C-alpha atoms as a PDB file:
ATOM      1  CA  MET A   1      48.863 -59.254 -99.737  1.00  0.00           C
ATOM      2  CA  THR A   2      50.331 -60.373 -96.427  1.00  0.00           C
ATOM      3  CA  SER A   3      50.712 -56.843 -95.768  1.00  0.00           C
ATOM      4  CA  SER A   4      47.239 -55.639 -96.621  1.00  0.00           C
ATOM      5  CA  CYS A   5      46.047 -58.426 -94.125  1.00  0.00           C
ATOM      6  CA  VAL A   6      48.301 -57.086 -91.641  1.00  0.00           C
ATOM      7  CA  LEU A   7      46.979 -53.688 -91.896  1.00  0.00           C
ATOM      8  CA  CYS A   8      43.391 -54.556 -92.444  1.00  0.00           C
ATOM      9  CA  GLY A   9      44.338 -56.807 -88.562  1.00  0.00           C
ATOM     10  CA  VAL A  10      45.568 -53.283 -87.684  1.00  0.00           C
ATOM     11  CA  LEU A  11      42.558 -51.536 -88.793  1.00  0.00           C
ATOM     12  CA  PHE A  12      40.297 -54.153 -87.392  1.00  0.00           C
ATOM     13  CA  VAL A  13      41.613 -53.549 -83.962  1.00  0.00           C
ATOM     14  CA  ILE A  14      42.136 -50.244 -83.747  1.00  0.00           C
ATOM     15  CA  THR A  15      37.862 -50.007 -84.733  1.00  0.00           C
ATOM     16  CA  ILE A  16      36.805 -52.147 -82.550  1.00  0.00           C
ATOM     17  CA  THR A  17      39.188 -50.507 -79.598  1.00  0.00           C
ATOM     18  CA  SER A  18      37.720 -47.269 -80.047  1.00  0.00           C
ATOM     19  CA  ILE A  19      34.174 -48.732 -80.314  1.00  0.00           C
ATOM     20  CA  THR A  20      34.625 -51.054 -76.774  1.00  0.00           C
ATOM     21  CA  THR A  21      36.635 -48.014 -74.962  1.00  0.00           C
ATOM     22  CA  PRO A  22      34.398 -45.196 -74.198  1.00  0.00           C
ATOM     23  CA  VAL A  23      35.463 -41.466 -73.693  1.00  0.00           C
ATOM     24  CA  SER A  24      34.317 -40.367 -70.329  1.00  0.00           C
ATOM     25  CA  ALA A  25      34.224 -36.578 -70.102  1.00  0.00           C
ATOM     26  CA  VAL A  26      34.199 -35.092 -66.068  1.00  0.00           C
ATOM     27  CA  ILE A  27      31.263 -33.669 -64.873  1.00  0.00           C
ATOM     28  CA  THR A  28      31.246 -30.351 -62.944  1.00  0.00           C
ATOM     29  CA  VAL A  29      29.157 -29.437 -60.083  1.00  0.00           C
ATOM     30  CA  ARG A  30      29.184 -25.983 -58.777  1.00  0.00           C
ATOM     31  CA  VAL A  31      27.974 -24.832 -55.782  1.00  0.00           C
ATOM     32  CA  LYS A  32      28.218 -22.433 -53.307  1.00  0.00           C
ATOM     33  CA  PHE A  33      30.593 -22.518 -49.770  1.00  0.00           C
ATOM     34  CA  ASN A  34      28.932 -24.719 -47.125  1.00  0.00           C
ATOM     35  CA  GLN A  35      25.874 -25.352 -49.586  1.00  0.00           C
ATOM     36  CA  ALA A  36      24.641 -29.084 -50.270  1.00  0.00           C
ATOM     37  CA  ALA A  37      26.033 -30.894 -53.343  1.00  0.00           C
ATOM     38  CA  ALA A  38      25.249 -33.866 -55.472  1.00  0.00           C
ATOM     39  CA  LEU A  39      27.890 -35.208 -57.436  1.00  0.00           C
ATOM     40  CA  PRO A  40      25.278 -37.391 -60.183  1.00  0.00           C
ATOM     41  CA  CYS A  41      26.343 -41.374 -61.012  1.00  0.00           C
ATOM     42  CA  GLU A  42      23.743 -43.812 -62.384  1.00  0.00           C
ATOM     43  CA  ARG A  43      24.565 -47.785 -63.086  1.00  0.00           C
ATOM     44  CA  THR A  44      22.949 -50.853 -61.381  1.00  0.00           C
ATOM     45  CA  CYS A  45      25.360 -52.754 -59.096  1.00  0.00           C
ATOM     46  CA  SER A  46      25.657 -56.211 -58.710  1.00  0.00           C
ATOM     47  CA  ARG A  47      27.862 -55.879 -55.946  1.00  0.00           C
ATOM     48  CA  GLU A  48      29.256 -52.881 -54.547  1.00  0.00           C
ATOM     49  CA  ALA A  49      29.302 -49.002 -55.474  1.00  0.00           C
ATOM     50  CA  THR A  50      32.101 -46.923 -54.580  1.00  0.00           C
ATOM     51  CA  TRP A  51      33.118 -43.181 -54.519  1.00  0.00           C
ATOM     52  CA  THR A  52      36.884 -42.136 -53.790  1.00  0.00           C
ATOM     53  CA  PRO A  53      39.230 -39.244 -54.619  1.00  0.00           C
ATOM     54  CA  PHE A  54      40.540 -39.147 -58.194  1.00  0.00           C
ATOM     55  CA  GLY A  55      43.791 -40.885 -58.647  1.00  0.00           C
ATOM     56  CA  ASN A  56      42.837 -42.580 -54.517  1.00  0.00           C
ATOM     57  CA  ASN A  57      41.579 -45.429 -53.699  1.00  0.00           C
ATOM     58  CA  GLN A  58      40.589 -43.782 -50.031  1.00  0.00           C
ATOM     59  CA  VAL A  59      36.933 -44.536 -50.156  1.00  0.00           C
ATOM     60  CA  VAL A  60      34.827 -42.031 -49.202  1.00  0.00           C
ATOM     61  CA  ALA A  61      31.430 -44.350 -49.605  1.00  0.00           C
ATOM     62  CA  GLN A  62      30.007 -47.191 -50.704  1.00  0.00           C
ATOM     63  CA  CYS A  63      26.964 -49.510 -51.094  1.00  0.00           C
ATOM     64  CA  ASN A  64      26.093 -52.901 -51.327  1.00  0.00           C
ATOM     65  CA  GLN A  65      23.140 -54.371 -51.206  1.00  0.00           C
ATOM     66  CA  THR A  66      22.663 -54.585 -47.775  1.00  0.00           C
ATOM     67  CA  SER A  67      24.021 -51.211 -46.313  1.00  0.00           C
ATOM     68  CA  CYS A  68      25.561 -48.149 -47.198  1.00  0.00           C
ATOM     69  CA  TRP A  69      28.570 -46.392 -45.418  1.00  0.00           C
ATOM     70  CA  SER A  70      30.391 -42.984 -45.276  1.00  0.00           C
ATOM     71  CA  GLU A  71      33.140 -41.117 -44.208  1.00  0.00           C
ATOM     72  CA  GLU A  72      31.659 -37.599 -42.221  1.00  0.00           C
ATOM     73  CA  GLY A  73      29.937 -34.898 -44.672  1.00  0.00           C
ATOM     74  CA  PHE A  74      29.521 -37.684 -47.542  1.00  0.00           C
ATOM     75  CA  LYS A  75      26.059 -39.779 -47.438  1.00  0.00           C
ATOM     76  CA  MET A  76      24.913 -42.479 -50.020  1.00  0.00           C
ATOM     77  CA  SER A  77      21.309 -43.465 -49.893  1.00  0.00           C
ATOM     78  CA  HIS A  78      20.786 -47.173 -49.872  1.00  0.00           C
ATOM     79  CA  ASP A  79      16.517 -47.016 -51.283  1.00  0.00           C
ATOM     80  CA  GLU A  80      18.339 -45.339 -54.308  1.00  0.00           C
ATOM     81  CA  TYR A  81      21.076 -47.009 -54.784  1.00  0.00           C
ATOM     82  CA  LEU A  82      19.068 -50.233 -54.882  1.00  0.00           C
ATOM     83  CA  LYS A  83      17.448 -47.975 -57.681  1.00  0.00           C
ATOM     84  CA  GLY A  84      20.658 -47.536 -59.527  1.00  0.00           C
ATOM     85  CA  ASN A  85      21.123 -44.202 -58.363  1.00  0.00           C
ATOM     86  CA  LEU A  86      24.258 -43.902 -57.129  1.00  0.00           C
ATOM     87  CA  THR A  87      24.503 -39.515 -56.324  1.00  0.00           C
ATOM     88  CA  LEU A  88      26.908 -38.860 -53.463  1.00  0.00           C
ATOM     89  CA  THR A  89      25.505 -36.006 -51.286  1.00  0.00           C
ATOM     90  CA  ILE A  90      27.704 -33.472 -49.130  1.00  0.00           C
ATOM     91  CA  PRO A  91      25.464 -31.559 -47.222  1.00  0.00           C
ATOM     92  CA  ALA A  92      27.603 -28.789 -46.360  1.00  0.00           C
ATOM     93  CA  ALA A  93      30.302 -28.420 -49.584  1.00  0.00           C
ATOM     94  CA  ASP A  94      33.979 -26.372 -48.228  1.00  0.00           C
ATOM     95  CA  PHE A  95      37.109 -26.064 -49.587  1.00  0.00           C
ATOM     96  CA  SER A  96      38.228 -29.339 -48.749  1.00  0.00           C
ATOM     97  CA  LYS A  97      35.845 -31.531 -50.500  1.00  0.00           C
ATOM     98  CA  ARG A  98      36.789 -29.380 -53.692  1.00  0.00           C
ATOM     99  CA  LYS A  99      38.523 -31.980 -55.925  1.00  0.00           C
ATOM    100  CA  THR A 100      37.509 -34.746 -58.523  1.00  0.00           C
ATOM    101  CA  TYR A 101      35.479 -37.742 -57.504  1.00  0.00           C
ATOM    102  CA  THR A 102      35.117 -40.788 -59.178  1.00  0.00           C
ATOM    103  CA  CYS A 103      32.034 -43.568 -59.077  1.00  0.00           C
ATOM    104  CA  ARG A 104      33.054 -47.427 -59.409  1.00  0.00           C
ATOM    105  CA  CYS A 105      30.346 -50.059 -59.931  1.00  0.00           C
ATOM    106  CA  ASP A 106      31.467 -53.114 -59.139  1.00  0.00           C
ATOM    107  CA  GLY A 107      34.909 -51.773 -59.560  1.00  0.00           C
ATOM    108  CA  LYS A 108      34.285 -50.479 -62.824  1.00  0.00           C
ATOM    109  CA  VAL A 109      34.611 -46.685 -63.462  1.00  0.00           C
ATOM    110  CA  VAL A 110      31.253 -45.673 -64.546  1.00  0.00           C
ATOM    111  CA  ASN A 111      32.286 -41.591 -64.458  1.00  0.00           C
ATOM    112  CA  ASP A 112      34.455 -38.717 -62.815  1.00  0.00           C
ATOM    113  CA  VAL A 113      32.616 -35.497 -61.344  1.00  0.00           C
ATOM    114  CA  ARG A 114      34.155 -32.064 -60.355  1.00  0.00           C
ATOM    115  CA  LEU A 115      33.095 -30.266 -57.210  1.00  0.00           C
ATOM    116  CA  SER A 116      33.353 -26.641 -57.405  1.00  0.00           C
ATOM    117  CA  ILE A 117      32.841 -24.195 -55.167  1.00  0.00           C
ATOM    118  CA  ASP A 118      32.104 -20.040 -55.626  1.00  0.00           C
ATOM    119  CA  ARG A 119      34.516 -18.031 -54.242  1.00  0.00           C
ATOM    120  CA  LEU A 120      34.049 -16.507 -50.812  1.00  0.00           C
ATOM    121  CA  ILE A 121      34.082 -12.459 -51.647  1.00  0.00           C
ATOM    122  CA  SER A 122      34.787 -10.222 -47.789  1.00  0.00           C
ATOM    123  CA  SER A 123      35.258  -6.709 -46.498  1.00  0.00           C
ATOM    124  CA  VAL A 124      37.114  -6.066 -43.649  1.00  0.00           C
ATOM    125  CA  GLN A 125      37.240  -2.966 -42.028  1.00  0.00           C
ATOM    126  CA  LEU A 126      40.319  -2.360 -39.546  1.00  0.00           C
ATOM    127  CA  LYS A 127      41.768   0.798 -37.672  1.00  0.00           C
ATOM    128  CA  PRO A 128      45.847   1.185 -37.340  1.00  0.00           C
ATOM    129  CA  GLY A 129      47.374  -1.934 -35.175  1.00  0.00           C
ATOM    130  CA  GLU A 130      44.879  -4.049 -35.343  1.00  0.00           C
ATOM    131  CA  ASP A 131      45.398  -8.004 -36.446  1.00  0.00           C
ATOM    132  CA  LEU A 132      43.768  -9.017 -40.267  1.00  0.00           C
ATOM    133  CA  LEU A 133      42.972 -12.876 -39.950  1.00  0.00           C
ATOM    134  CA  LEU A 134      42.858 -14.312 -43.458  1.00  0.00           C
ATOM    135  CA  ASP A 135      40.819 -17.583 -43.439  1.00  0.00           C
ATOM    136  CA  LEU A 136      42.768 -19.888 -46.149  1.00  0.00           C
ATOM    137  CA  HIS A 137      39.902 -22.630 -45.649  1.00  0.00           C
ATOM    138  CA  VAL A 138      42.588 -25.758 -46.461  1.00  0.00           C
ATOM    139  CA  SER A 139      46.042 -26.888 -45.242  1.00  0.00           C
ATOM    140  CA  GLU A 140      47.408 -28.137 -48.508  1.00  0.00           C
ATOM    141  CA  ARG A 141      49.613 -25.571 -50.496  1.00  0.00           C
ATOM    142  CA  VAL A 142      47.415 -22.677 -51.349  1.00  0.00           C
ATOM    143  CA  GLU A 143      48.725 -18.530 -51.850  1.00  0.00           C
ATOM    144  CA  VAL A 144      47.672 -15.109 -50.572  1.00  0.00           C
ATOM    145  CA  ILE A 145      48.031 -12.908 -53.139  1.00  0.00           C
ATOM    146  CA  TYR A 146      48.175  -8.912 -52.360  1.00  0.00           C
ATOM    147  CA  ASN A 147      46.672  -6.469 -55.123  1.00  0.00           C
ATOM    148  CA  HIS A 148      47.253  -2.830 -54.082  1.00  0.00           C
ATOM    149  CA  ARG A 149      46.898   0.183 -56.854  1.00  0.00           C
ATOM    150  CA  ASP A 150      46.419  -2.635 -59.316  1.00  0.00           C
ATOM    151  CA  SER A 151      49.606  -4.592 -58.905  1.00  0.00           C
ATOM    152  CA  ASP A 152      50.028  -7.803 -57.467  1.00  0.00           C
ATOM    153  CA  LYS A 153      52.180  -9.753 -55.352  1.00  0.00           C
ATOM    154  CA  GLN A 154      52.762 -12.870 -53.260  1.00  0.00           C
ATOM    155  CA  ILE A 155      53.279 -12.263 -50.122  1.00  0.00           C
ATOM    156  CA  CYS A 156      52.847 -15.750 -48.889  1.00  0.00           C
ATOM    157  CA  SER A 157      52.077 -19.359 -49.592  1.00  0.00           C
ATOM    158  CA  VAL A 158      51.392 -22.557 -47.743  1.00  0.00           C
ATOM    159  CA  ASP A 159      52.092 -26.107 -47.720  1.00  0.00           C
ATOM    160  CA  ARG A 160      50.587 -28.473 -45.799  1.00  0.00           C
ATOM    161  CA  SER A 161      50.610 -25.886 -42.718  1.00  0.00           C
ATOM    162  CA  SER A 162      53.981 -24.799 -43.206  1.00  0.00           C
ATOM    163  CA  LEU A 163      53.727 -21.065 -43.588  1.00  0.00           C
ATOM    164  CA  HIS A 164      56.296 -19.532 -45.859  1.00  0.00           C
ATOM    165  CA  CYS A 165      56.490 -15.176 -46.750  1.00  0.00           C
ATOM    166  CA  THR A 166      58.426 -12.355 -48.143  1.00  0.00           C
ATOM    167  CA  ALA A 167      61.269 -10.761 -45.818  1.00  0.00           C
ATOM    168  CA  GLU A 168      58.907  -7.764 -45.986  1.00  0.00           C
ATOM    169  CA  TYR A 169      55.867 -10.055 -44.121  1.00  0.00           C
ATOM    170  CA  THR A 170      57.776 -12.680 -42.805  1.00  0.00           C
ATOM    171  CA  SER A 171      58.020 -11.012 -39.455  1.00  0.00           C
ATOM    172  CA  ARG A 172      54.513  -9.751 -39.356  1.00  0.00           C
ATOM    173  CA  THR A 173      52.407 -13.117 -39.788  1.00  0.00           C
ATOM    174  CA  SER A 174      51.727 -15.814 -38.417  1.00  0.00           C
ATOM    175  CA  LEU A 175      49.848 -19.067 -38.764  1.00  0.00           C
ATOM    176  CA  THR A 176      46.565 -20.787 -36.596  1.00  0.00           C
ATOM    177  CA  ASN A 177      45.318 -24.193 -38.652  1.00  0.00           C
ATOM    178  CA  THR A 178      43.928 -22.378 -41.750  1.00  0.00           C
ATOM    179  CA  VAL A 179      43.972 -18.614 -40.457  1.00  0.00           C
ATOM    180  CA  LEU A 180      46.546 -16.577 -41.234  1.00  0.00           C
ATOM    181  CA  ARG A 181      47.111 -13.329 -39.418  1.00  0.00           C
ATOM    182  CA  LEU A 182      49.258 -10.454 -40.394  1.00  0.00           C
ATOM    183  CA  ARG A 183      49.724  -8.298 -37.154  1.00  0.00           C
ATOM    184  CA  GLY A 184      49.471  -4.427 -36.542  1.00  0.00           C
ATOM    185  CA  VAL A 185      48.211  -3.636 -39.728  1.00  0.00           C
ATOM    186  CA  ARG A 186      49.171  -0.043 -41.079  1.00  0.00           C
ATOM    187  CA  SER A 187      47.255   2.573 -43.475  1.00  0.00           C
ATOM    188  CA  THR A 188      48.850   0.919 -45.834  1.00  0.00           C
ATOM    189  CA  ASP A 189      47.816  -1.907 -46.004  1.00  0.00           C
ATOM    190  CA  GLY A 190      44.574  -1.229 -47.029  1.00  0.00           C
ATOM    191  CA  GLY A 191      44.137  -3.455 -50.687  1.00  0.00           C
ATOM    192  CA  VAL A 192      42.265  -6.795 -51.923  1.00  0.00           C
ATOM    193  CA  TYR A 193      44.065  -9.955 -50.517  1.00  0.00           C
ATOM    194  CA  ILE A 194      43.648 -12.730 -52.618  1.00  0.00           C
ATOM    195  CA  VAL A 195      43.830 -16.404 -51.074  1.00  0.00           C
ATOM    196  CA  ARG A 196      44.229 -18.683 -54.443  1.00  0.00           C
ATOM    197  CA  ASP A 197      44.482 -22.342 -55.379  1.00  0.00           C
ATOM    198  CA  PRO A 198      48.179 -22.118 -57.839  1.00  0.00           C
ATOM    199  CA  GLU A 199      47.489 -25.632 -58.733  1.00  0.00           C
ATOM    200  CA  GLU A 200      44.011 -25.563 -59.809  1.00  0.00           C
ATOM    201  CA  LYS A 201      44.626 -21.035 -60.421  1.00  0.00           C
ATOM    202  CA  GLU A 202      40.940 -20.644 -58.800  1.00  0.00           C
ATOM    203  CA  ASP A 203      40.411 -17.913 -55.919  1.00  0.00           C
ATOM    204  CA  LEU A 204      39.329 -19.237 -52.866  1.00  0.00           C
ATOM    205  CA  HIS A 205      38.634 -16.126 -50.582  1.00  0.00           C
ATOM    206  CA  VAL A 206      38.596 -12.554 -51.966  1.00  0.00           C
ATOM    207  CA  TYR A 207      38.917  -9.888 -48.908  1.00  0.00           C
ATOM    208  CA  THR A 208      39.042  -6.141 -49.445  1.00  0.00           C
ATOM    209  CA  VAL A 209      40.775  -4.524 -46.377  1.00  0.00           C
ATOM    210  CA  SER A 210      40.437  -0.758 -45.559  1.00  0.00           C
ATOM    211  CA  VAL A 211      42.384   0.548 -42.875  1.00  0.00           C
ATOM    212  CA  GLU A 212      41.180   4.332 -41.202  1.00  0.00           C
ATOM    213  CA  ALA A 213      43.789   6.499 -41.702  1.00  0.00           C
ATOM    214  CA  PRO A 214      45.425   7.766 -38.126  1.00  0.00           C
ATOM    215  CA  GLY A 215      43.402  10.761 -36.682  1.00  0.00           C
ATOM    216  CA  PRO A 216      45.016  13.869 -35.082  1.00  0.00           C
ATOM    217  CA  LYS A 217      46.239  13.023 -31.599  1.00  0.00           C
ATOM    218  CA  ARG A 218      44.363  14.824 -28.686  1.00  0.00           C
ATOM    219  CA  GLY A 219      45.020  15.453 -25.430  1.00  0.00           C
ATOM    220  CA  GLY A 220      43.382  14.434 -22.134  1.00  0.00           C
ATOM    221  CA  ILE A 221      40.887  17.503 -21.986  1.00  0.00           C
ATOM    222  CA  PRO A 222      37.860  16.459 -23.881  1.00  0.00           C
ATOM    223  CA  VAL A 223      36.611  18.301 -27.067  1.00  0.00           C
ATOM    224  CA  TRP A 224      33.857  19.574 -25.339  1.00  0.00           C
ATOM    225  CA  VAL A 225      35.401  21.546 -22.517  1.00  0.00           C
ATOM    226  CA  ILE A 226      37.958  23.295 -24.969  1.00  0.00           C
ATOM    227  CA  LEU A 227      34.837  24.540 -27.034  1.00  0.00           C
ATOM    228  CA  LEU A 228      33.278  25.885 -23.971  1.00  0.00           C
ATOM    229  CA  ALA A 229      35.991  27.212 -22.472  1.00  0.00           C
ATOM    230  CA  VAL A 230      36.455  29.296 -26.157  1.00  0.00           C
ATOM    231  CA  VAL A 231      32.500  30.305 -26.201  1.00  0.00           C
ATOM    232  CA  MET A 232      32.919  32.073 -22.488  1.00  0.00           C
ATOM    233  CA  SER A 233      35.774  33.698 -23.561  1.00  0.00           C
ATOM    234  CA  VAL A 234      34.791  35.254 -26.737  1.00  0.00           C
ATOM    235  CA  VAL A 235      31.574  36.035 -24.163  1.00  0.00           C
ATOM    236  CA  TRP A 236      33.642  37.619 -22.164  1.00  0.00           C
ATOM    237  CA  VAL A 237      35.575  39.555 -24.983  1.00  0.00           C
ATOM    238  CA  VAL A 238      32.447  41.040 -26.440  1.00  0.00           C
ATOM    239  CA  VAL A 239      30.788  42.396 -22.908  1.00  0.00           C
ATOM    240  CA  SER A 240      33.890  43.640 -21.989  1.00  0.00           C
ATOM    241  CA  VAL A 241      34.933  45.528 -24.996  1.00  0.00           C
ATOM    242  CA  ILE A 242      30.728  46.509 -25.705  1.00  0.00           C
ATOM    243  CA  GLY A 243      30.201  46.933 -22.592  1.00  0.00           C
ATOM    244  CA  LEU A 244      26.179  46.105 -21.377  1.00  0.00           C
ATOM    245  CA  THR A 245      23.546  48.173 -23.459  1.00  0.00           C
ATOM    246  CA  PRO A 246      21.006  51.184 -22.071  1.00  0.00           C
ATOM    247  CA  HIS A 247      17.983  48.566 -21.613  1.00  0.00           C
ATOM    248  CA  VAL A 248      20.358  46.000 -19.969  1.00  0.00           C
ATOM    249  CA  LYS A 249      21.229  49.165 -17.596  1.00  0.00           C
ATOM    250  CA  ARG A 250      17.916  49.286 -17.208  1.00  0.00           C
ATOM    251  CA  VAL A 251      16.634  46.250 -15.523  1.00  0.00           C
ATOM    252  CA  ILE A 252      19.671  46.014 -13.899  1.00  0.00           C
ATOM    253  CA  ARG A 253      18.311  49.607 -12.048  1.00  0.00           C
ATOM    254  CA  TRP A 254      14.878  48.828 -11.776  1.00  0.00           C
ATOM    255  CA  MET A 255      15.903  45.179 -10.270  1.00  0.00           C
ATOM    256  CA  GLN A 256      18.585  46.942  -7.400  1.00  0.00           C
ATOM    257  CA  ARG A 257      14.943  49.440  -6.713  1.00  0.00           C
ATOM    258  CA  ARG A 258      12.634  46.541  -6.366  1.00  0.00           C
ATOM    259  CA  ARG A 259      14.997  45.025  -3.621  1.00  0.00           C
ATOM    260  CA  GLN A 260      15.809  47.979  -1.701  1.00  0.00           C
ATOM    261  CA  ARG A 261      11.585  48.344  -1.723  1.00  0.00           C
ATOM    262  CA  SER A 262      11.210  44.803  -0.560  1.00  0.00           C
END
């Protein structure tokens, strides 16, 4: 009898817990690079509402009954807050803001929203000897993958602005802020370069790079001068071998006689 009551008590606690503890799924908002993003959250707050990156207590935006405050690049509307609309607006979403954010009302979590940004795709045409510039967009951990002839290989990685490249690329690469420079490209450097977030397994930027094949070396004499010389040489040879036609000879004699009469 006692064991049955204990079992009933355990089942009762489990049931109450499952009812009172809501399961909150992460909402995903996907936008294009540099477009505005609206992260939804609805709740009427008696004190304040806050938005923070997931797992981080740094507040990026907050509102209370009198006003709102936000970091640069984030925005909340006080009029909407008073109506229970706690939406966080990001006017220009870039890859540094691509993360999960937590909405809280009076200190309690309302929901989590994941901001996702579509990858960028670029085509780059270079001449041999020029530098290839790859924007990594973020200074946190990121990888650069080189795809050539359907074969992927990681050539560089960046972790908090620290650059690490394979032996083949160490002497040719440098990092300035978030821009990776590959110096003096060759025709064999053509292919696809992928800037990838290894933690989220998302591609940030895909570059399709083509490098012109080196052309034949030419001397200092312009090509048109060489062609003109060739044509004149051919004409001279033809005239020398065939000679002037009878008609041309008659024209020349006629012109000579006219000159003598005048």
